Amino acid sequence: MGHLTRLSTRTTAATAGALLLAGGLSAPALASGAGSQDVAPPTAQTAADPCPDDSNEYAVQQAAKLLPPPYGPDVPNAPGWAVDQADASTYSGCEGPSWVSLTVAGATASSPQTIVLFSHGRYLGTASATHFGFEPKVERVDDATLRVTYRFPIEGDANAAPRGRAVSEFHDDAASGRVVHTGEFPPRDA
């Protein structure tokens, strides 16, 4: 059985709160520019299992089963997450943190996007409580930090060229065993 399947009971309990890294927190407060925020701690890898043997695609498929629907539970016939189209090359079972960006089937520029976060092969949740459009740029700052640059339209912008930017960082703090979020999210009405 795959690594994430073995963790499903622990992960499912955390999923009850939507398993959102920045999420379980008040999303409107974060969107308005909160400073530093602790988020769900990753579970430590054991010496006997330093890296899971899951394929990148398998890990993403298992994590995607825990995600809330992209358009919410009350939208009939809405497309789901396009897991098979995701670039899973950014996932690493041996590093912390790593990520995979997901969008919906048949996506347009403003379709919901989410960033699924992992640490040492363990699914942590999503980078934000809200799914934003306009594909965010994720980059590794160092071995413990990811930077996400969200794009959003400013009044008068075409969907093809949103000028708004909000930058967040997610730091895997080994000393405390927590992932710490700093920065901003796009405005909720963007």
N, C-alpha and C. Protein backbone atom coordinates (compact mmCIF):
# COMPACT_ATOMS: atom_id res chain seq x y z
N MET A 1 0.83 -1.19 0.00
CA MET A 1 0.00 0.00 0.00
C MET A 1 0.87 1.24 0.00
N GLY A 2 0.37 2.30 -0.57
CA GLY A 2 1.14 3.54 -0.68
C GLY A 2 1.28 4.26 0.64
N HIS A 3 2.23 5.12 0.68
CA HIS A 3 2.55 5.88 1.89
C HIS A 3 1.38 6.72 2.37
N LEU A 4 0.73 7.45 1.47
CA LEU A 4 -0.37 8.30 1.90
C LEU A 4 -1.56 7.47 2.36
N THR A 5 -1.76 6.30 1.80
CA THR A 5 -2.85 5.44 2.25
C THR A 5 -2.63 5.04 3.69
N ARG A 6 -1.39 4.72 4.07
CA ARG A 6 -1.09 4.34 5.44
C ARG A 6 -1.39 5.48 6.40
N LEU A 7 -1.32 6.70 5.94
CA LEU A 7 -1.55 7.85 6.80
C LEU A 7 -3.01 8.30 6.82
N SER A 8 -3.87 7.63 6.07
CA SER A 8 -5.20 8.14 5.85
C SER A 8 -6.00 8.38 7.13
N THR A 9 -5.86 7.57 8.16
CA THR A 9 -6.65 7.81 9.37
C THR A 9 -6.23 9.10 10.05
N ARG A 10 -4.93 9.33 10.14
CA ARG A 10 -4.47 10.59 10.75
C ARG A 10 -4.85 11.76 9.87
N THR A 11 -4.66 11.62 8.58
CA THR A 11 -4.94 12.71 7.67
C THR A 11 -6.44 13.00 7.61
N THR A 12 -7.26 11.96 7.62
CA THR A 12 -8.70 12.17 7.56
C THR A 12 -9.20 12.97 8.74
N ALA A 13 -8.67 12.72 9.92
CA ALA A 13 -9.07 13.49 11.10
C ALA A 13 -8.76 14.96 10.89
N ALA A 14 -7.60 15.24 10.35
CA ALA A 14 -7.23 16.63 10.11
C ALA A 14 -8.07 17.23 8.98
N THR A 15 -8.51 16.38 8.05
CA THR A 15 -9.29 16.85 6.92
C THR A 15 -10.63 17.39 7.35
N ALA A 16 -11.14 16.95 8.47
CA ALA A 16 -12.44 17.43 8.93
C ALA A 16 -12.46 18.95 9.00
N GLY A 17 -11.34 19.56 9.29
CA GLY A 17 -11.25 21.02 9.32
C GLY A 17 -10.83 21.57 7.98
N ALA A 18 -11.07 20.84 6.91
CA ALA A 18 -10.76 21.19 5.52
C ALA A 18 -9.30 21.03 5.19
N LEU A 19 -8.51 20.59 6.12
CA LEU A 19 -7.10 20.31 5.92
C LEU A 19 -6.42 21.42 5.13
N LEU A 20 -6.62 22.61 5.56
CA LEU A 20 -6.05 23.75 4.85
C LEU A 20 -4.95 24.37 5.68
N LEU A 21 -3.80 24.45 5.12
CA LEU A 21 -2.66 25.01 5.84
C LEU A 21 -2.96 26.41 6.36
N ALA A 22 -3.18 27.29 5.48
CA ALA A 22 -3.48 28.64 5.92
C ALA A 22 -4.94 28.73 6.27
N GLY A 23 -5.69 27.79 5.78
CA GLY A 23 -7.11 27.72 5.95
C GLY A 23 -7.56 27.61 7.36
N GLY A 24 -7.61 26.55 8.02
CA GLY A 24 -8.20 26.42 9.32
C GLY A 24 -8.15 27.74 10.05
N LEU A 25 -7.40 28.67 9.58
CA LEU A 25 -7.32 30.00 10.13
C LEU A 25 -8.41 30.83 9.48
N SER A 26 -8.59 32.01 9.90
CA SER A 26 -9.60 32.87 9.30
C SER A 26 -9.09 33.39 7.97
N ALA A 27 -9.63 32.86 6.88
CA ALA A 27 -9.16 33.25 5.55
C ALA A 27 -9.30 34.75 5.29
N PRO A 28 -10.42 35.40 5.68
CA PRO A 28 -10.50 36.83 5.42
C PRO A 28 -9.38 37.61 6.11
N ALA A 29 -8.99 37.20 7.31
CA ALA A 29 -7.91 37.89 8.00
C ALA A 29 -6.60 37.69 7.25
N LEU A 30 -6.38 36.50 6.74
CA LEU A 30 -5.16 36.26 5.99
C LEU A 30 -5.18 37.03 4.68
N ALA A 31 -6.32 37.05 4.02
CA ALA A 31 -6.40 37.74 2.74
C ALA A 31 -6.17 39.23 2.91
N SER A 32 -6.44 39.76 4.08
CA SER A 32 -6.23 41.19 4.26
C SER A 32 -4.81 41.50 4.71
N GLY A 33 -3.96 40.47 4.80
CA GLY A 33 -2.56 40.75 5.03
C GLY A 33 -2.07 40.40 6.42
N ALA A 34 -2.37 39.24 6.93
CA ALA A 34 -1.85 38.84 8.23
C ALA A 34 -0.35 38.63 8.15
N GLY A 35 0.31 38.71 9.24
CA GLY A 35 1.75 38.53 9.27
C GLY A 35 2.13 37.07 9.31
N SER A 36 2.62 36.59 10.42
CA SER A 36 3.09 35.22 10.54
C SER A 36 1.99 34.34 11.13
N GLN A 37 1.89 33.13 10.68
CA GLN A 37 0.86 32.22 11.16
C GLN A 37 1.38 30.80 11.14
N ASP A 38 1.27 30.09 12.26
CA ASP A 38 1.63 28.68 12.29
C ASP A 38 0.52 27.89 11.64
N VAL A 39 0.91 26.83 10.95
CA VAL A 39 -0.06 25.95 10.32
C VAL A 39 0.25 24.51 10.67
N ALA A 40 -0.54 23.59 10.18
CA ALA A 40 -0.46 22.18 10.56
C ALA A 40 0.97 21.63 10.56
N PRO A 41 1.36 20.97 11.66
CA PRO A 41 2.70 20.41 11.71
C PRO A 41 2.79 19.12 10.91
N PRO A 42 3.88 18.95 10.17
CA PRO A 42 4.06 17.68 9.48
C PRO A 42 4.43 16.60 10.50
N THR A 43 4.09 15.37 10.19
CA THR A 43 4.47 14.26 11.05
C THR A 43 5.89 13.85 10.68
N ALA A 44 6.76 13.62 11.66
CA ALA A 44 8.16 13.31 11.39
C ALA A 44 8.30 11.96 10.70
N GLN A 45 9.22 11.87 9.76
CA GLN A 45 9.56 10.62 9.10
C GLN A 45 10.37 9.77 10.07
N THR A 46 10.24 8.48 10.00
CA THR A 46 11.02 7.61 10.86
C THR A 46 12.30 7.22 10.15
N ALA A 47 13.31 6.84 10.92
CA ALA A 47 14.59 6.42 10.34
C ALA A 47 14.40 5.19 9.46
N ALA A 48 13.45 4.32 9.82
CA ALA A 48 13.21 3.11 9.03
C ALA A 48 12.52 3.42 7.70
N ASP A 49 11.87 4.58 7.58
CA ASP A 49 11.13 4.96 6.38
C ASP A 49 11.51 6.38 5.99
N PRO A 50 12.78 6.60 5.55
CA PRO A 50 13.24 7.95 5.29
C PRO A 50 12.51 8.64 4.13
N CYS A 51 12.07 7.90 3.16
CA CYS A 51 11.34 8.45 2.03
C CYS A 51 10.27 7.45 1.62
N PRO A 52 9.05 7.91 1.40
CA PRO A 52 8.03 6.97 0.94
C PRO A 52 8.36 6.49 -0.47
N ASP A 53 7.89 5.32 -0.82
CA ASP A 53 8.16 4.79 -2.14
C ASP A 53 7.03 5.05 -3.12
N ASP A 54 6.13 5.95 -2.77
CA ASP A 54 5.02 6.31 -3.65
C ASP A 54 5.55 7.03 -4.88
N SER A 55 4.90 6.81 -6.02
CA SER A 55 5.21 7.62 -7.19
C SER A 55 4.62 9.01 -6.96
N ASN A 56 5.16 9.99 -7.65
CA ASN A 56 4.64 11.35 -7.53
C ASN A 56 3.16 11.39 -7.87
N GLU A 57 2.78 10.73 -8.95
CA GLU A 57 1.39 10.74 -9.40
C GLU A 57 0.48 10.09 -8.36
N TYR A 58 0.91 8.99 -7.78
CA TYR A 58 0.11 8.30 -6.77
C TYR A 58 -0.10 9.20 -5.55
N ALA A 59 0.95 9.84 -5.10
CA ALA A 59 0.85 10.73 -3.93
C ALA A 59 -0.15 11.84 -4.19
N VAL A 60 -0.12 12.43 -5.39
CA VAL A 60 -1.04 13.50 -5.74
C VAL A 60 -2.47 12.97 -5.82
N GLN A 61 -2.67 11.80 -6.41
CA GLN A 61 -4.01 11.21 -6.51
C GLN A 61 -4.60 10.96 -5.12
N GLN A 62 -3.79 10.47 -4.20
CA GLN A 62 -4.29 10.20 -2.85
C GLN A 62 -4.63 11.50 -2.12
N ALA A 63 -3.78 12.50 -2.25
CA ALA A 63 -4.04 13.79 -1.60
C ALA A 63 -5.28 14.45 -2.19
N ALA A 64 -5.46 14.35 -3.51
CA ALA A 64 -6.59 14.99 -4.18
C ALA A 64 -7.93 14.45 -3.67
N LYS A 65 -7.96 13.20 -3.23
CA LYS A 65 -9.19 12.62 -2.68
C LYS A 65 -9.65 13.35 -1.42
N LEU A 66 -8.72 14.05 -0.76
CA LEU A 66 -9.03 14.74 0.48
C LEU A 66 -9.39 16.21 0.28
N LEU A 67 -9.29 16.69 -0.94
CA LEU A 67 -9.56 18.10 -1.22
C LEU A 67 -11.05 18.38 -1.31
N PRO A 68 -11.46 19.55 -0.85
CA PRO A 68 -12.86 19.95 -1.07
C PRO A 68 -13.07 20.22 -2.57
N PRO A 69 -14.31 20.11 -3.05
CA PRO A 69 -14.57 20.39 -4.47
C PRO A 69 -14.13 21.80 -4.84
N PRO A 70 -13.64 22.00 -6.05
CA PRO A 70 -13.13 23.31 -6.46
C PRO A 70 -14.16 24.44 -6.40
N TYR A 71 -15.42 24.12 -6.68
CA TYR A 71 -16.45 25.15 -6.68
C TYR A 71 -17.36 25.06 -5.46
N GLY A 72 -17.01 24.23 -4.51
CA GLY A 72 -17.83 24.03 -3.32
C GLY A 72 -18.79 22.87 -3.51
N PRO A 73 -19.36 22.39 -2.42
CA PRO A 73 -20.21 21.19 -2.48
C PRO A 73 -21.59 21.42 -3.08
N ASP A 74 -22.02 22.67 -3.20
CA ASP A 74 -23.39 22.95 -3.63
C ASP A 74 -23.52 23.34 -5.10
N VAL A 75 -22.45 23.19 -5.89
CA VAL A 75 -22.51 23.56 -7.29
C VAL A 75 -22.70 22.29 -8.12
N PRO A 76 -23.89 22.12 -8.71
CA PRO A 76 -24.16 20.89 -9.47
C PRO A 76 -23.36 20.85 -10.77
N ASN A 77 -22.92 19.66 -11.14
CA ASN A 77 -22.23 19.39 -12.40
C ASN A 77 -20.95 20.20 -12.59
N ALA A 78 -20.35 20.67 -11.53
CA ALA A 78 -19.10 21.43 -11.64
C ALA A 78 -17.96 20.46 -11.91
N PRO A 79 -16.98 20.87 -12.70
CA PRO A 79 -15.84 19.98 -12.94
C PRO A 79 -15.02 19.79 -11.67
N GLY A 80 -14.40 18.65 -11.54
CA GLY A 80 -13.54 18.37 -10.39
C GLY A 80 -12.10 18.76 -10.69
N TRP A 81 -11.24 18.48 -9.74
CA TRP A 81 -9.81 18.76 -9.91
C TRP A 81 -9.25 17.88 -11.03
N ALA A 82 -8.45 18.44 -11.90
CA ALA A 82 -7.85 17.73 -13.03
C ALA A 82 -6.53 17.09 -12.57
N VAL A 83 -6.64 16.08 -11.73
CA VAL A 83 -5.47 15.45 -11.12
C VAL A 83 -4.56 14.83 -12.17
N ASP A 84 -5.15 14.20 -13.18
CA ASP A 84 -4.34 13.55 -14.21
C ASP A 84 -3.56 14.53 -15.07
N GLN A 85 -3.93 15.80 -15.04
CA GLN A 85 -3.23 16.82 -15.83
C GLN A 85 -2.19 17.58 -15.01
N ALA A 86 -2.09 17.28 -13.73
CA ALA A 86 -1.17 18.02 -12.85
C ALA A 86 0.28 17.65 -13.14
N ASP A 87 1.16 18.63 -13.01
CA ASP A 87 2.60 18.39 -13.11
C ASP A 87 3.07 17.94 -11.73
N ALA A 88 3.25 16.64 -11.57
CA ALA A 88 3.64 16.08 -10.26
C ALA A 88 5.14 16.10 -10.04
N SER A 89 5.90 16.67 -10.95
CA SER A 89 7.36 16.67 -10.81
C SER A 89 7.83 17.55 -9.65
N THR A 90 6.98 18.42 -9.13
CA THR A 90 7.36 19.29 -8.02
C THR A 90 7.15 18.63 -6.66
N TYR A 91 6.52 17.45 -6.65
CA TYR A 91 6.35 16.66 -5.41
C TYR A 91 7.64 15.91 -5.12
N SER A 92 8.00 15.85 -3.84
CA SER A 92 9.13 15.04 -3.41
C SER A 92 8.78 14.35 -2.10
N GLY A 93 8.95 13.05 -2.07
CA GLY A 93 8.72 12.31 -0.85
C GLY A 93 9.86 12.43 0.14
N CYS A 94 10.99 12.96 -0.31
CA CYS A 94 12.19 13.03 0.55
C CYS A 94 12.48 14.44 1.02
N GLU A 95 11.78 15.43 0.52
CA GLU A 95 12.04 16.82 0.89
C GLU A 95 10.87 17.40 1.66
N GLY A 96 11.14 18.47 2.32
CA GLY A 96 10.08 19.23 2.93
C GLY A 96 10.40 20.68 2.76
N PRO A 97 9.51 21.47 2.33
CA PRO A 97 8.22 21.16 1.74
C PRO A 97 8.31 20.96 0.23
N SER A 98 7.29 20.34 -0.36
CA SER A 98 7.14 20.26 -1.81
C SER A 98 5.68 20.53 -2.13
N TRP A 99 5.35 20.63 -3.40
CA TRP A 99 4.01 21.05 -3.78
C TRP A 99 3.60 20.47 -5.13
N VAL A 100 2.31 20.54 -5.39
CA VAL A 100 1.74 20.27 -6.71
C VAL A 100 0.58 21.24 -6.89
N SER A 101 0.54 21.92 -8.02
CA SER A 101 -0.55 22.83 -8.33
C SER A 101 -1.63 22.08 -9.11
N LEU A 102 -2.88 22.31 -8.72
CA LEU A 102 -4.01 21.68 -9.40
C LEU A 102 -4.98 22.73 -9.89
N THR A 103 -5.62 22.45 -11.00
CA THR A 103 -6.72 23.26 -11.50
C THR A 103 -7.85 22.31 -11.87
N VAL A 104 -8.90 22.84 -12.46
CA VAL A 104 -10.06 22.03 -12.81
C VAL A 104 -9.97 21.57 -14.27
N ALA A 105 -10.73 20.54 -14.59
CA ALA A 105 -10.83 20.08 -15.97
C ALA A 105 -11.44 21.20 -16.81
N GLY A 106 -10.87 21.45 -17.99
CA GLY A 106 -11.38 22.49 -18.88
C GLY A 106 -11.12 23.89 -18.36
N ALA A 107 -10.06 24.08 -17.61
CA ALA A 107 -9.78 25.37 -16.95
C ALA A 107 -9.57 26.51 -17.93
N THR A 108 -9.97 27.70 -17.46
CA THR A 108 -9.64 28.95 -18.12
C THR A 108 -8.73 29.71 -17.17
N ALA A 109 -8.30 30.89 -17.53
CA ALA A 109 -7.37 31.65 -16.69
C ALA A 109 -7.91 31.89 -15.28
N SER A 110 -9.21 32.15 -15.18
CA SER A 110 -9.77 32.48 -13.87
C SER A 110 -10.36 31.28 -13.12
N SER A 111 -10.19 30.07 -13.66
CA SER A 111 -10.71 28.87 -12.98
C SER A 111 -9.98 28.64 -11.67
N PRO A 112 -10.63 27.96 -10.73
CA PRO A 112 -9.99 27.70 -9.43
C PRO A 112 -8.68 26.92 -9.57
N GLN A 113 -7.72 27.34 -8.79
CA GLN A 113 -6.41 26.68 -8.69
C GLN A 113 -6.17 26.43 -7.21
N THR A 114 -5.47 25.37 -6.89
CA THR A 114 -5.06 25.14 -5.51
C THR A 114 -3.65 24.60 -5.52
N ILE A 115 -2.93 24.86 -4.45
CA ILE A 115 -1.57 24.35 -4.29
C ILE A 115 -1.61 23.35 -3.16
N VAL A 116 -1.30 22.10 -3.49
CA VAL A 116 -1.31 21.01 -2.52
C VAL A 116 0.10 20.91 -1.96
N LEU A 117 0.23 21.00 -0.63
CA LEU A 117 1.54 21.01 0.01
C LEU A 117 1.84 19.67 0.70
N PHE A 118 3.10 19.29 0.64
CA PHE A 118 3.60 18.07 1.26
C PHE A 118 4.87 18.39 2.03
N SER A 119 5.22 17.56 2.98
CA SER A 119 6.51 17.64 3.65
C SER A 119 6.99 16.22 3.88
N HIS A 120 8.12 15.90 3.30
CA HIS A 120 8.70 14.55 3.41
C HIS A 120 7.67 13.48 3.07
N GLY A 121 6.90 13.73 2.00
CA GLY A 121 5.93 12.77 1.52
C GLY A 121 4.60 12.79 2.22
N ARG A 122 4.44 13.61 3.21
CA ARG A 122 3.17 13.67 3.93
C ARG A 122 2.34 14.84 3.44
N TYR A 123 1.08 14.59 3.15
CA TYR A 123 0.16 15.61 2.70
C TYR A 123 -0.15 16.54 3.86
N LEU A 124 0.08 17.84 3.66
CA LEU A 124 -0.18 18.83 4.70
C LEU A 124 -1.51 19.53 4.52
N GLY A 125 -1.95 19.65 3.30
CA GLY A 125 -3.16 20.39 3.00
C GLY A 125 -2.91 21.33 1.84
N THR A 126 -3.74 22.36 1.74
CA THR A 126 -3.57 23.33 0.67
C THR A 126 -2.97 24.61 1.23
N ALA A 127 -2.40 25.39 0.35
CA ALA A 127 -1.72 26.61 0.78
C ALA A 127 -2.67 27.68 1.28
N SER A 128 -3.94 27.62 0.88
CA SER A 128 -4.90 28.63 1.32
C SER A 128 -6.28 28.03 1.48
N ALA A 129 -7.11 28.71 2.24
CA ALA A 129 -8.48 28.26 2.46
C ALA A 129 -9.34 28.50 1.24
N THR A 130 -8.95 29.42 0.41
CA THR A 130 -9.71 29.79 -0.78
C THR A 130 -8.96 29.33 -2.01
N HIS A 131 -9.70 28.84 -3.00
CA HIS A 131 -9.10 28.50 -4.28
C HIS A 131 -9.10 29.77 -5.12
N PHE A 132 -7.94 30.15 -5.64
CA PHE A 132 -7.82 31.36 -6.45
C PHE A 132 -7.62 30.99 -7.91
N GLY A 133 -8.03 31.85 -8.80
CA GLY A 133 -7.77 31.68 -10.22
C GLY A 133 -6.40 32.21 -10.57
N PHE A 134 -6.10 32.21 -11.85
CA PHE A 134 -4.86 32.82 -12.34
C PHE A 134 -3.63 32.12 -11.76
N GLU A 135 -3.26 31.06 -12.40
CA GLU A 135 -2.21 30.15 -11.93
C GLU A 135 -1.10 30.83 -11.13
N PRO A 136 -0.98 30.45 -9.87
CA PRO A 136 0.08 31.05 -9.04
C PRO A 136 1.44 30.47 -9.41
N LYS A 137 2.47 31.24 -9.13
CA LYS A 137 3.84 30.79 -9.37
C LYS A 137 4.40 30.33 -8.03
N VAL A 138 4.90 29.09 -7.98
CA VAL A 138 5.49 28.55 -6.76
C VAL A 138 6.97 28.33 -7.02
N GLU A 139 7.79 28.76 -6.08
CA GLU A 139 9.24 28.55 -6.22
C GLU A 139 9.84 28.18 -4.87
N ARG A 140 10.88 27.39 -4.94
CA ARG A 140 11.61 27.01 -3.73
C ARG A 140 12.60 28.12 -3.41
N VAL A 141 12.52 28.65 -2.20
CA VAL A 141 13.45 29.69 -1.75
C VAL A 141 14.71 29.03 -1.19
N ASP A 142 14.51 28.00 -0.37
CA ASP A 142 15.61 27.21 0.19
C ASP A 142 15.05 25.84 0.55
N ASP A 143 15.82 25.02 1.25
CA ASP A 143 15.39 23.65 1.56
C ASP A 143 14.15 23.59 2.44
N ALA A 144 13.78 24.69 3.09
CA ALA A 144 12.64 24.66 4.01
C ALA A 144 11.55 25.67 3.68
N THR A 145 11.70 26.43 2.59
CA THR A 145 10.76 27.52 2.32
C THR A 145 10.29 27.52 0.88
N LEU A 146 8.98 27.68 0.70
CA LEU A 146 8.37 27.87 -0.61
C LEU A 146 7.79 29.27 -0.67
N ARG A 147 7.89 29.92 -1.83
CA ARG A 147 7.28 31.23 -2.05
C ARG A 147 6.21 31.07 -3.13
N VAL A 148 5.03 31.60 -2.85
CA VAL A 148 3.92 31.55 -3.80
C VAL A 148 3.57 32.98 -4.18
N THR A 149 3.58 33.25 -5.48
CA THR A 149 3.15 34.55 -5.99
C THR A 149 1.80 34.34 -6.67
N TYR A 150 0.76 34.86 -6.02
CA TYR A 150 -0.59 34.78 -6.56
C TYR A 150 -0.82 35.96 -7.49
N ARG A 151 -1.54 35.74 -8.58
CA ARG A 151 -1.92 36.81 -9.50
C ARG A 151 -3.43 37.02 -9.38
N PHE A 152 -3.86 38.25 -9.54
CA PHE A 152 -5.29 38.55 -9.52
C PHE A 152 -5.55 39.82 -10.32
N PRO A 153 -6.77 39.94 -10.88
CA PRO A 153 -7.07 41.12 -11.68
C PRO A 153 -7.35 42.34 -10.81
N ILE A 154 -6.89 43.45 -11.30
CA ILE A 154 -7.20 44.76 -10.72
C ILE A 154 -8.24 45.38 -11.64
N GLU A 155 -9.08 46.25 -11.12
CA GLU A 155 -10.14 46.84 -11.94
C GLU A 155 -9.61 47.26 -13.31
N GLY A 156 -10.33 46.81 -14.35
CA GLY A 156 -9.97 47.15 -15.72
C GLY A 156 -9.07 46.12 -16.39
N ASP A 157 -8.54 45.15 -15.64
CA ASP A 157 -7.66 44.12 -16.22
C ASP A 157 -8.46 43.10 -17.01
N ALA A 158 -7.88 42.62 -18.09
CA ALA A 158 -8.43 41.48 -18.81
C ALA A 158 -7.95 40.22 -18.11
N ASN A 159 -8.71 39.13 -18.20
CA ASN A 159 -8.29 37.88 -17.57
C ASN A 159 -6.94 37.40 -18.07
N ALA A 160 -6.59 37.74 -19.29
CA ALA A 160 -5.32 37.29 -19.86
C ALA A 160 -4.12 38.01 -19.27
N ALA A 161 -4.33 39.13 -18.59
CA ALA A 161 -3.20 39.91 -18.08
C ALA A 161 -3.50 40.54 -16.72
N PRO A 162 -3.73 39.72 -15.68
CA PRO A 162 -3.98 40.32 -14.37
C PRO A 162 -2.70 40.96 -13.81
N ARG A 163 -2.82 42.18 -13.29
CA ARG A 163 -1.64 42.89 -12.78
C ARG A 163 -1.42 42.74 -11.28
N GLY A 164 -2.46 42.34 -10.54
CA GLY A 164 -2.34 42.24 -9.09
C GLY A 164 -1.42 41.10 -8.67
N ARG A 165 -0.69 41.31 -7.57
CA ARG A 165 0.21 40.29 -7.04
C ARG A 165 0.09 40.26 -5.51
N ALA A 166 0.11 39.04 -4.96
CA ALA A 166 0.15 38.83 -3.51
C ALA A 166 1.16 37.71 -3.28
N VAL A 167 2.07 37.91 -2.35
CA VAL A 167 3.15 36.94 -2.14
C VAL A 167 3.04 36.34 -0.74
N SER A 168 3.12 35.01 -0.68
CA SER A 168 3.11 34.26 0.58
C SER A 168 4.33 33.37 0.63
N GLU A 169 4.83 33.10 1.83
CA GLU A 169 5.88 32.12 2.02
C GLU A 169 5.43 31.10 3.04
N PHE A 170 5.85 29.86 2.82
CA PHE A 170 5.56 28.74 3.71
C PHE A 170 6.89 28.14 4.12
N HIS A 171 7.21 28.25 5.42
CA HIS A 171 8.49 27.79 5.94
C HIS A 171 8.28 26.57 6.84
N ASP A 172 8.95 25.47 6.50
CA ASP A 172 8.90 24.24 7.28
C ASP A 172 9.93 24.39 8.40
N ASP A 173 9.47 24.78 9.60
CA ASP A 173 10.35 25.05 10.73
C ASP A 173 10.63 23.75 11.48
N ALA A 174 11.79 23.16 11.24
CA ALA A 174 12.15 21.87 11.84
C ALA A 174 12.22 21.95 13.36
N ALA A 175 12.65 23.07 13.90
CA ALA A 175 12.79 23.21 15.36
C ALA A 175 11.44 23.09 16.07
N SER A 176 10.40 23.70 15.49
CA SER A 176 9.09 23.65 16.13
C SER A 176 8.21 22.54 15.58
N GLY A 177 8.61 21.95 14.43
CA GLY A 177 7.80 20.91 13.81
C GLY A 177 6.54 21.47 13.15
N ARG A 178 6.55 22.76 12.79
CA ARG A 178 5.38 23.41 12.19
C ARG A 178 5.76 24.06 10.87
N VAL A 179 4.76 24.30 10.05
CA VAL A 179 4.94 25.09 8.85
C VAL A 179 4.38 26.46 9.16
N VAL A 180 5.16 27.49 8.91
CA VAL A 180 4.78 28.86 9.24
C VAL A 180 4.48 29.63 7.96
N HIS A 181 3.31 30.24 7.90
CA HIS A 181 2.92 31.06 6.76
C HIS A 181 3.18 32.53 7.08
N THR A 182 3.77 33.24 6.13
CA THR A 182 3.88 34.70 6.21
C THR A 182 3.46 35.26 4.86
N GLY A 183 3.00 36.47 4.85
CA GLY A 183 2.66 37.13 3.58
C GLY A 183 1.19 37.34 3.39
N GLU A 184 0.81 37.47 2.12
CA GLU A 184 -0.56 37.86 1.76
C GLU A 184 -1.18 36.86 0.80
N PHE A 185 -2.50 36.92 0.75
CA PHE A 185 -3.29 36.23 -0.26
C PHE A 185 -4.01 37.29 -1.09
N PRO A 186 -4.48 36.92 -2.28
CA PRO A 186 -5.26 37.90 -3.05
C PRO A 186 -6.51 38.33 -2.29
N PRO A 187 -7.02 39.51 -2.58
CA PRO A 187 -8.27 39.93 -1.94
C PRO A 187 -9.38 38.93 -2.27
N ARG A 188 -10.28 38.70 -1.35
CA ARG A 188 -11.34 37.70 -1.55
C ARG A 188 -12.27 38.07 -2.70
N ASP A 189 -12.38 39.33 -3.02
CA ASP A 189 -13.29 39.71 -4.11
C ASP A 189 -12.58 39.77 -5.46
N ALA A 190 -11.32 39.36 -5.51
CA ALA A 190 -10.57 39.40 -6.78
C ALA A 190 -10.92 38.22 -7.66
